[in-house]
Amino acid sequence: MFEQLLDQRMNDEPASQPDAVEVLPSPQRIQWDYIQLVLRDCNGNISLASRRLHMHRRTLQRKLAKLPPDV
């Protein structure tokens, strides 16, 4: 039975196999997206967003001044 499965697996077309690797976003990208979500929820108010994120307002401004990170 194992040999049959092995033969079947070897004869499969590569296109029919599901993608084994899924690219996950970096921690920096997750943080950036979360900051954007909170900022949108606060209607762009940086002071309110920084309080909700428990970070200093100036720290949030510095993070926002940077370009969004790559995936």
C-alpha atoms as a PDB file:
ATOM      1  CA  MET A   1       0.000   0.000   0.000  1.00  0.00           C
ATOM      2  CA  PHE A   2       2.824   2.384   0.870  1.00  0.00           C
ATOM      3  CA  GLU A   3       4.480   1.684  -2.463  1.00  0.00           C
ATOM      4  CA  GLN A   4       1.264   2.522  -4.305  1.00  0.00           C
ATOM      5  CA  LEU A   5       1.003   5.846  -2.508  1.00  0.00           C
ATOM      6  CA  LEU A   6       4.640   6.570  -3.230  1.00  0.00           C
ATOM      7  CA  ASP A   7       4.222   5.769  -6.935  1.00  0.00           C
ATOM      8  CA  GLN A   8       1.078   7.872  -7.091  1.00  0.00           C
ATOM      9  CA  ARG A   9       2.858  10.759  -5.357  1.00  0.00           C
ATOM     10  CA  MET A  10       5.829  10.592  -7.713  1.00  0.00           C
ATOM     11  CA  ASN A  11       3.545  10.600 -10.769  1.00  0.00           C
ATOM     12  CA  ASP A  12       1.574  13.646  -9.617  1.00  0.00           C
ATOM     13  CA  GLU A  13       1.899  16.786 -11.657  1.00  0.00           C
ATOM     14  CA  PRO A  14       3.674  19.577  -9.742  1.00  0.00           C
ATOM     15  CA  ALA A  15       0.810  21.950 -10.568  1.00  0.00           C
ATOM     16  CA  SER A  16      -1.699  19.654  -8.871  1.00  0.00           C
ATOM     17  CA  GLN A  17       0.145  19.720  -5.554  1.00  0.00           C
ATOM     18  CA  PRO A  18      -0.781  22.446  -3.086  1.00  0.00           C
ATOM     19  CA  ASP A  19       1.756  25.117  -2.268  1.00  0.00           C
ATOM     20  CA  ALA A  20       3.785  23.890   0.670  1.00  0.00           C
ATOM     21  CA  VAL A  21       5.287  27.246   1.604  1.00  0.00           C
ATOM     22  CA  GLU A  22       3.142  30.115   2.782  1.00  0.00           C
ATOM     23  CA  VAL A  23       4.848  33.458   3.186  1.00  0.00           C
ATOM     24  CA  LEU A  24       3.990  35.025   6.514  1.00  0.00           C
ATOM     25  CA  PRO A  25       4.326  38.749   7.156  1.00  0.00           C
ATOM     26  CA  SER A  26       7.244  39.927   9.254  1.00  0.00           C
ATOM     27  CA  PRO A  27       6.648  41.082  12.844  1.00  0.00           C
ATOM     28  CA  GLN A  28       7.420  44.640  11.711  1.00  0.00           C
ATOM     29  CA  ARG A  29       4.736  44.385   9.023  1.00  0.00           C
ATOM     30  CA  ILE A  30       2.195  43.053  11.535  1.00  0.00           C
ATOM     31  CA  GLN A  31       3.000  45.952  13.870  1.00  0.00           C
ATOM     32  CA  TRP A  32       2.675  48.476  11.013  1.00  0.00           C
ATOM     33  CA  ASP A  33      -0.704  47.063   9.959  1.00  0.00           C
ATOM     34  CA  TYR A  34      -1.969  47.119  13.554  1.00  0.00           C
ATOM     35  CA  ILE A  35      -0.861  50.738  14.009  1.00  0.00           C
ATOM     36  CA  GLN A  36      -2.684  51.653  10.811  1.00  0.00           C
ATOM     37  CA  LEU A  37      -5.816  49.861  12.035  1.00  0.00           C
ATOM     38  CA  VAL A  38      -5.802  51.706  15.368  1.00  0.00           C
ATOM     39  CA  LEU A  39      -5.034  55.017  13.682  1.00  0.00           C
ATOM     40  CA  ARG A  40      -7.950  54.523  11.284  1.00  0.00           C
ATOM     41  CA  ASP A  41     -10.185  53.658  14.249  1.00  0.00           C
ATOM     42  CA  CYS A  42      -9.090  56.941  15.903  1.00  0.00           C
ATOM     43  CA  ASN A  43      -9.825  58.938  12.722  1.00  0.00           C
ATOM     44  CA  GLY A  44      -6.157  59.842  12.324  1.00  0.00           C
ATOM     45  CA  ASN A  45      -5.791  61.273  15.838  1.00  0.00           C
ATOM     46  CA  ILE A  46      -2.200  60.389  16.750  1.00  0.00           C
ATOM     47  CA  SER A  47      -2.543  61.353  20.418  1.00  0.00           C
ATOM     48  CA  LEU A  48      -5.570  59.105  20.908  1.00  0.00           C
ATOM     49  CA  ALA A  49      -3.994  56.271  18.907  1.00  0.00           C
ATOM     50  CA  SER A  50      -0.777  56.454  20.956  1.00  0.00           C
ATOM     51  CA  ARG A  51      -2.772  56.175  24.175  1.00  0.00           C
ATOM     52  CA  ARG A  52      -4.633  53.144  22.847  1.00  0.00           C
ATOM     53  CA  LEU A  53      -1.359  51.578  21.735  1.00  0.00           C
ATOM     54  CA  HIS A  54       0.287  52.354  25.102  1.00  0.00           C
ATOM     55  CA  MET A  55       3.216  54.157  23.508  1.00  0.00           C
ATOM     56  CA  HIS A  56       4.510  57.698  23.640  1.00  0.00           C
ATOM     57  CA  ARG A  57       3.033  60.000  21.004  1.00  0.00           C
ATOM     58  CA  ARG A  58       6.479  60.879  19.638  1.00  0.00           C
ATOM     59  CA  THR A  59       7.382  57.179  19.279  1.00  0.00           C
ATOM     60  CA  LEU A  60       4.244  56.650  17.222  1.00  0.00           C
ATOM     61  CA  GLN A  61       5.084  59.673  15.064  1.00  0.00           C
ATOM     62  CA  ARG A  62       8.557  58.255  14.406  1.00  0.00           C
ATOM     63  CA  LYS A  63       7.129  54.881  13.424  1.00  0.00           C
ATOM     64  CA  LEU A  64       4.668  56.559  11.073  1.00  0.00           C
ATOM     65  CA  ALA A  65       7.437  58.631   9.461  1.00  0.00           C
ATOM     66  CA  LYS A  66       9.132  55.432   8.266  1.00  0.00           C
ATOM     67  CA  LEU A  67       8.056  53.644   5.113  1.00  0.00           C
ATOM     68  CA  PRO A  68       5.929  50.520   5.565  1.00  0.00           C
ATOM     69  CA  PRO A  69       8.092  47.399   5.908  1.00  0.00           C
ATOM     70  CA  ASP A  70       8.158  44.762   3.190  1.00  0.00           C
ATOM     71  CA  VAL A  71       6.397  41.479   3.714  1.00  0.00           C
END
